[in-house]
Amino acid sequence: MDAYDEGSKARHLPDGPDGSLPEGPASAGSTPDSTPCADQESTDQESTDQESVGEESTDQESVPQHHDSQAPTVQAPGPQVSGPQAPTADPPVPVPTPTGIASLPLRSQIVAALALAVAAVVACVHLGMVFLHVAPSNTVTKQHGRAIDDWIYPEFEQNWKLFAPNPLQQNIDVQVRAQVRGADGGITETGWYDLSALDGAAIDGNLLPSHTQQNELRRAWDFYIGTHDNDNHPVGLRGDLSQRYLRRIVVLRLDREGAGGKGAVVESVQVRSRTTNVPPPKWSEEQVSDTPVLRELPWWTVPEEDVTDARTEASAG
């Protein structure tokens, strides 16, 4: 009986020439059971590793890792109360900073207070003087009229012509003529120069006329009329001042117009006013005269200083 029994349960392995297992496809799959076992073991190992990794991750997620030294402290909003009922301290009241005069040193405050007091007194005196000037004649104005006029004239003069029931309705032209000494020494008399008409011609078409063109001559004439009576006699101490003021203005105007020709010197002047009434409107029944009214002043001798000043002002202008 052969040693290799076909019916035996032993594994039959072919013998090679040297008794080793033959090489080839059979040798690669000679251990069919060994490969599945290795794969099974590796699969089990991977599942075991995954379970251990899952457990570690679960542990890390469930237990937060904080360091006590670096963990931020979160405080709830609201006042921190130490104890069961700790009293809250009141906030400090801010002290207001002084402003205006109060912020100045004491000496400066005294000076400022005195200046304000002086300004208030002057303002009250000025308002009182203006009130007495425009008020009807009374006991105070009769006794202190000169002091009131000295305060008011000429800078603060007031009048009621614009607001009077019958305002000024006249045209007043100021005219002048002169006696001049020519270069040959002869004396000649010029014609009348209408100074008001010259000012009016300079104003017409001028968008920005000067104060001198509008008011200088007119105010000088009003100043003279207010300080002289109908006989041209001065009333009070301001009469002589108004005469000298009007004379200097007309001499200056004559020099501008070249009265008497080149090199002529003004020796004396005469001023007059020509007053005409403004005609009423056509619908009015008022009747007024259209005849001019003349008022001639006496001849005034022109001093040398007035001629020199007039030439100086003319050359400067």
Protein backbone atom coordinates (compact mmCIF):
# COMPACT_ATOMS: atom_id res chain seq x y z
CA MET A 1 0.00 0.00 0.00
CA ASP A 2 1.34 3.43 -1.07
CA ALA A 3 2.35 5.82 1.72
CA TYR A 4 0.32 8.57 0.18
CA ASP A 5 -3.15 7.25 0.54
CA GLU A 6 -5.64 9.08 -1.49
CA GLY A 7 -8.30 8.61 1.03
CA SER A 8 -6.23 9.85 3.87
CA LYS A 9 -7.09 13.27 5.32
CA ALA A 10 -3.51 14.35 5.18
CA ARG A 11 -2.56 17.09 2.87
CA HIS A 12 -0.82 15.95 -0.23
CA LEU A 13 2.02 18.17 -1.26
CA PRO A 14 3.96 17.40 -4.41
CA ASP A 15 7.61 16.85 -3.93
CA GLY A 16 10.11 18.81 -5.75
CA PRO A 17 13.43 17.51 -6.91
CA ASP A 18 15.01 18.54 -3.66
CA GLY A 19 12.04 17.92 -1.53
CA SER A 20 10.97 21.68 -1.45
CA LEU A 21 7.80 23.12 -2.61
CA PRO A 22 7.62 23.85 -6.29
CA GLU A 23 7.62 27.44 -7.45
CA GLY A 24 4.83 28.91 -9.59
CA PRO A 25 1.29 29.93 -9.27
CA ALA A 26 0.65 27.17 -6.80
CA SER A 27 3.40 28.44 -4.52
CA ALA A 28 1.95 31.98 -4.52
CA GLY A 29 -1.38 30.62 -3.36
CA SER A 30 0.14 27.70 -1.44
CA THR A 31 -1.27 29.06 1.78
CA PRO A 32 -4.75 30.17 0.91
CA ASP A 33 -5.82 30.28 4.50
CA SER A 34 -2.90 32.46 5.63
CA THR A 35 -3.83 35.53 3.54
CA PRO A 36 -7.40 35.90 4.77
CA CYS A 37 -6.20 35.60 8.32
CA ALA A 38 -3.68 38.37 7.87
CA ASP A 39 -6.26 40.62 6.27
CA GLN A 40 -8.66 39.89 9.07
CA GLU A 41 -6.06 40.71 11.66
CA SER A 42 -5.17 44.02 9.97
CA THR A 43 -8.85 44.96 9.71
CA ASP A 44 -9.36 44.21 13.36
CA GLN A 45 -6.33 46.27 14.22
CA GLU A 46 -7.62 49.27 12.21
CA SER A 47 -11.04 49.10 13.82
CA THR A 48 -9.43 48.92 17.22
CA ASP A 49 -7.31 51.97 16.40
CA GLN A 50 -10.31 53.89 15.14
CA GLU A 51 -12.27 53.11 18.28
CA SER A 52 -9.38 54.29 20.45
CA VAL A 53 -9.05 57.47 18.41
CA GLY A 54 -12.84 58.07 18.67
CA GLU A 55 -12.70 57.62 22.40
CA GLU A 56 -9.82 60.06 22.66
CA SER A 57 -11.64 62.69 20.55
CA THR A 58 -14.79 62.20 22.60
CA ASP A 59 -12.81 62.72 25.76
CA GLN A 60 -11.21 65.85 24.37
CA GLU A 61 -14.58 67.32 23.35
CA SER A 62 -16.32 66.49 26.58
CA VAL A 63 -13.59 67.89 28.79
CA PRO A 64 -12.58 71.52 27.86
CA GLN A 65 -8.93 72.20 28.34
CA HIS A 66 -8.40 75.58 30.02
CA HIS A 67 -5.47 76.89 31.90
CA ASP A 68 -6.46 78.67 35.08
CA SER A 69 -3.75 81.28 34.63
CA GLN A 70 -4.90 82.34 31.16
CA ALA A 71 -8.67 81.89 31.39
CA PRO A 72 -10.51 85.25 30.97
CA THR A 73 -12.75 86.39 33.75
CA VAL A 74 -16.24 87.40 32.57
CA GLN A 75 -18.12 89.78 34.78
CA ALA A 76 -21.84 90.35 34.58
CA PRO A 77 -22.94 93.86 33.66
CA GLY A 78 -24.16 96.13 36.41
CA PRO A 79 -22.71 97.54 39.60
CA GLN A 80 -20.56 95.22 41.65
CA VAL A 81 -22.00 94.87 45.08
CA SER A 82 -19.73 93.73 47.86
CA GLY A 83 -21.81 92.33 50.60
CA PRO A 84 -25.50 91.92 50.84
CA GLN A 85 -26.42 95.64 50.29
CA ALA A 86 -23.37 97.87 49.66
CA PRO A 87 -24.26 101.63 49.36
CA THR A 88 -23.40 103.34 46.03
CA ALA A 89 -21.23 106.50 46.25
CA ASP A 90 -22.59 109.69 44.55
CA PRO A 91 -20.55 110.92 41.53
CA PRO A 92 -18.49 114.09 42.16
CA VAL A 93 -20.21 117.35 41.15
CA PRO A 94 -18.09 119.22 38.54
CA VAL A 95 -17.06 122.74 39.54
CA PRO A 96 -18.07 125.27 36.79
CA THR A 97 -15.20 127.16 35.19
CA PRO A 98 -15.62 130.96 35.55
CA THR A 99 -16.11 132.85 32.29
CA GLY A 100 -16.19 136.49 31.23
CA ILE A 101 -15.03 139.09 33.70
CA ALA A 102 -15.05 136.53 36.51
CA SER A 103 -12.18 134.66 34.83
CA LEU A 104 -9.91 137.74 34.98
CA PRO A 105 -7.60 138.59 37.86
CA LEU A 106 -9.01 140.84 40.60
CA ARG A 107 -7.24 143.98 39.33
CA SER A 108 -8.48 143.39 35.80
CA GLN A 109 -12.00 142.81 37.09
CA ILE A 110 -11.95 146.18 38.85
CA VAL A 111 -10.72 147.97 35.71
CA ALA A 112 -13.34 146.26 33.54
CA ALA A 113 -16.11 147.11 35.99
CA LEU A 114 -15.06 150.78 36.05
CA ALA A 115 -14.93 150.89 32.24
CA LEU A 116 -18.42 149.42 31.96
CA ALA A 117 -19.72 151.88 34.54
CA VAL A 118 -18.23 154.86 32.65
CA ALA A 119 -19.67 153.60 29.35
CA ALA A 120 -23.11 153.20 30.93
CA VAL A 121 -23.00 156.74 32.37
CA VAL A 122 -21.92 158.24 29.02
CA ALA A 123 -24.68 156.34 27.19
CA CYS A 124 -27.30 157.58 29.64
CA VAL A 125 -26.06 161.17 29.37
CA HIS A 126 -26.08 161.00 25.56
CA LEU A 127 -29.62 159.62 25.43
CA GLY A 128 -30.75 162.35 27.83
CA MET A 129 -29.13 165.10 25.75
CA VAL A 130 -30.69 163.81 22.52
CA PHE A 131 -34.10 163.61 24.18
CA LEU A 132 -33.86 167.16 25.48
CA HIS A 133 -32.67 168.39 22.08
CA VAL A 134 -35.64 166.97 20.15
CA ALA A 135 -38.20 167.59 22.91
CA PRO A 136 -40.38 170.70 22.90
CA SER A 137 -39.12 173.74 24.73
CA ASN A 138 -39.25 173.27 28.49
CA THR A 139 -37.65 174.53 31.67
CA VAL A 140 -34.55 172.32 31.36
CA THR A 141 -33.85 173.30 27.75
CA LYS A 142 -34.30 176.98 28.58
CA GLN A 143 -31.80 176.86 31.43
CA HIS A 144 -29.27 174.48 29.88
CA GLY A 145 -29.86 175.00 26.15
CA ARG A 146 -26.26 176.02 25.44
CA ALA A 147 -24.84 172.91 27.14
CA ILE A 148 -27.25 170.70 25.18
CA ASP A 149 -26.30 172.35 21.88
CA ASP A 150 -22.58 172.00 22.63
CA TRP A 151 -23.10 168.28 23.19
CA ILE A 152 -25.30 167.68 20.15
CA TYR A 153 -23.69 169.84 17.45
CA PRO A 154 -22.32 169.05 14.98
CA GLU A 155 -21.93 165.26 15.23
CA PHE A 156 -25.29 164.29 16.79
CA GLU A 157 -27.70 166.80 15.28
CA GLN A 158 -31.30 165.61 15.08
CA ASN A 159 -34.29 167.10 13.27
CA TRP A 160 -37.87 166.17 12.45
CA LYS A 161 -38.02 167.29 8.82
CA LEU A 162 -38.59 163.79 7.48
CA PHE A 163 -41.35 162.94 9.97
CA ALA A 164 -42.99 166.35 10.26
CA PRO A 165 -46.60 166.71 9.14
CA ASN A 166 -45.42 169.11 6.42
CA PRO A 167 -41.91 167.98 5.37
CA LEU A 168 -39.49 170.20 3.48
CA GLN A 169 -40.85 170.94 0.00
CA GLN A 170 -38.27 173.34 -1.35
CA ASN A 171 -35.22 173.23 -3.56
CA ILE A 172 -32.37 175.34 -2.23
CA ASP A 173 -29.45 176.22 -4.46
CA VAL A 174 -26.31 177.69 -2.91
CA GLN A 175 -24.50 180.06 -5.24
CA VAL A 176 -21.34 182.16 -4.91
CA ARG A 177 -19.49 184.88 -6.78
CA ALA A 178 -16.07 186.37 -6.07
CA GLN A 179 -13.83 189.34 -6.58
CA VAL A 180 -10.46 188.13 -7.79
CA ARG A 181 -7.13 189.82 -8.37
CA GLY A 182 -5.58 188.80 -11.65
CA ALA A 183 -1.93 188.38 -12.56
CA ASP A 184 -1.82 192.04 -13.73
CA GLY A 185 -3.07 193.23 -10.32
CA GLY A 186 -6.56 194.20 -11.51
CA ILE A 187 -9.71 193.29 -9.58
CA THR A 188 -12.55 191.64 -11.48
CA GLU A 189 -15.88 190.24 -10.37
CA THR A 190 -16.99 186.80 -11.50
CA GLY A 191 -20.49 185.64 -12.27
CA TRP A 192 -22.58 183.44 -10.01
CA TYR A 193 -21.42 179.83 -9.68
CA ASP A 194 -24.28 177.46 -8.84
CA LEU A 195 -22.42 175.13 -6.49
CA SER A 196 -25.52 173.00 -5.76
CA ALA A 197 -26.02 172.41 -9.49
CA LEU A 198 -22.38 171.33 -9.80
CA ASP A 199 -22.85 168.81 -6.98
CA GLY A 200 -26.05 167.54 -8.57
CA ALA A 201 -24.32 167.03 -11.93
CA ALA A 202 -21.58 165.03 -10.20
CA ILE A 203 -24.17 162.82 -8.46
CA ASP A 204 -26.34 162.11 -11.52
CA GLY A 205 -25.40 158.75 -13.00
CA ASN A 206 -22.94 158.02 -10.18
CA LEU A 207 -23.81 154.75 -8.44
CA LEU A 208 -21.59 155.57 -5.45
CA PRO A 209 -21.54 159.33 -4.93
CA SER A 210 -19.31 160.64 -2.19
CA HIS A 211 -20.59 162.02 1.09
CA THR A 212 -18.95 165.34 0.25
CA GLN A 213 -20.90 165.70 -2.99
CA GLN A 214 -24.18 164.92 -1.31
CA ASN A 215 -24.01 166.67 2.03
CA GLU A 216 -21.03 169.00 2.55
CA LEU A 217 -22.45 172.15 0.98
CA ARG A 218 -26.02 171.52 2.10
CA ARG A 219 -24.99 170.90 5.71
CA ALA A 220 -22.76 173.98 5.73
CA TRP A 221 -25.65 176.15 4.56
CA ASP A 222 -28.05 174.64 7.13
CA PHE A 223 -25.41 175.25 9.81
CA TYR A 224 -25.17 178.91 8.83
CA ILE A 225 -28.96 179.45 8.67
CA GLY A 226 -29.41 177.83 12.08
CA THR A 227 -26.92 180.17 13.76
CA HIS A 228 -27.94 183.48 12.13
CA ASP A 229 -31.10 185.52 12.12
CA ASN A 230 -32.88 186.91 9.06
CA ASP A 231 -30.58 189.93 9.05
CA ASN A 232 -27.53 187.64 8.90
CA HIS A 233 -26.46 188.51 12.43
CA PRO A 234 -24.84 185.62 14.35
CA VAL A 235 -26.81 184.10 17.21
CA GLY A 236 -24.60 182.66 19.93
CA LEU A 237 -20.98 181.64 19.80
CA ARG A 238 -21.43 179.25 16.89
CA GLY A 239 -22.34 181.98 14.42
CA ASP A 240 -18.75 182.95 13.69
CA LEU A 241 -17.75 179.28 13.36
CA SER A 242 -20.50 178.58 10.81
CA GLN A 243 -19.50 181.65 8.78
CA ARG A 244 -15.84 180.65 8.60
CA TYR A 245 -16.83 177.06 7.71
CA LEU A 246 -19.08 178.12 4.82
CA ARG A 247 -16.50 180.61 3.54
CA ARG A 248 -13.72 178.02 3.39
CA ILE A 249 -15.95 175.62 1.44
CA VAL A 250 -16.92 178.17 -1.23
CA VAL A 251 -13.30 179.36 -1.63
CA LEU A 252 -12.23 175.75 -2.19
CA ARG A 253 -14.96 175.30 -4.83
CA LEU A 254 -13.96 178.51 -6.61
CA ASP A 255 -10.36 177.38 -6.77
CA ARG A 256 -11.48 174.05 -8.32
CA GLU A 257 -13.49 175.91 -10.95
CA GLY A 258 -10.57 178.19 -11.77
CA ALA A 259 -12.43 181.41 -10.97
CA GLY A 260 -10.72 184.48 -12.46
CA GLY A 261 -8.38 182.48 -14.66
CA LYS A 262 -4.92 181.08 -14.11
CA GLY A 263 -2.95 182.80 -11.36
CA ALA A 264 -5.95 184.74 -10.05
CA VAL A 265 -6.33 185.19 -6.28
CA VAL A 266 -9.76 185.34 -4.57
CA GLU A 267 -10.04 188.53 -2.54
CA SER A 268 -13.64 188.35 -1.33
CA VAL A 269 -16.74 186.21 -1.83
CA GLN A 270 -20.50 186.63 -1.61
CA VAL A 271 -22.91 183.73 -1.02
CA ARG A 272 -26.60 183.61 -1.74
CA SER A 273 -29.36 181.02 -1.73
CA ARG A 274 -32.02 180.59 -4.39
CA THR A 275 -35.10 178.86 -2.99
CA THR A 276 -37.92 177.54 -5.16
CA ASN A 277 -40.96 175.60 -4.06
CA VAL A 278 -41.49 172.05 -5.27
CA PRO A 279 -44.63 172.07 -7.46
CA PRO A 280 -47.49 170.01 -6.02
CA PRO A 281 -48.81 166.94 -7.89
CA LYS A 282 -51.50 167.41 -10.51
CA TRP A 283 -54.23 165.84 -8.37
CA SER A 284 -53.54 168.24 -5.47
CA GLU A 285 -55.48 171.47 -5.02
CA GLU A 286 -52.61 173.16 -3.18
CA GLN A 287 -51.41 176.41 -4.66
CA VAL A 288 -47.75 177.45 -4.21
CA SER A 289 -45.66 180.21 -5.73
CA ASP A 290 -43.07 179.31 -8.32
CA THR A 291 -41.13 182.56 -7.92
CA PRO A 292 -37.59 181.99 -6.60
CA VAL A 293 -36.68 183.62 -3.30
CA LEU A 294 -33.14 184.98 -3.03
CA ARG A 295 -31.18 185.55 0.14
CA GLU A 296 -27.87 187.31 -0.34
CA LEU A 297 -25.21 187.41 2.33
CA PRO A 298 -22.75 190.29 2.69
CA TRP A 299 -19.33 190.23 1.06
CA TRP A 300 -16.73 188.39 3.09
CA THR A 301 -13.05 189.16 2.85
CA VAL A 302 -11.03 186.00 2.30
CA PRO A 303 -7.97 185.75 4.57
CA GLU A 304 -4.69 184.55 3.11
CA GLU A 305 -4.78 181.31 5.12
CA ASP A 306 -8.08 180.29 3.49
CA VAL A 307 -6.60 180.78 0.01
CA THR A 308 -3.47 178.77 0.94
CA ASP A 309 -5.50 175.95 2.46
CA ALA A 310 -7.80 175.85 -0.58
CA ARG A 311 -4.88 175.52 -2.96
CA THR A 312 -3.27 172.86 -0.77
CA GLU A 313 -6.46 170.79 -0.68
CA ALA A 314 -6.97 171.23 -4.42
CA SER A 315 -3.44 170.06 -5.22
CA ALA A 316 -3.80 167.08 -2.84
CA GLY A 317 -7.07 166.03 -4.44
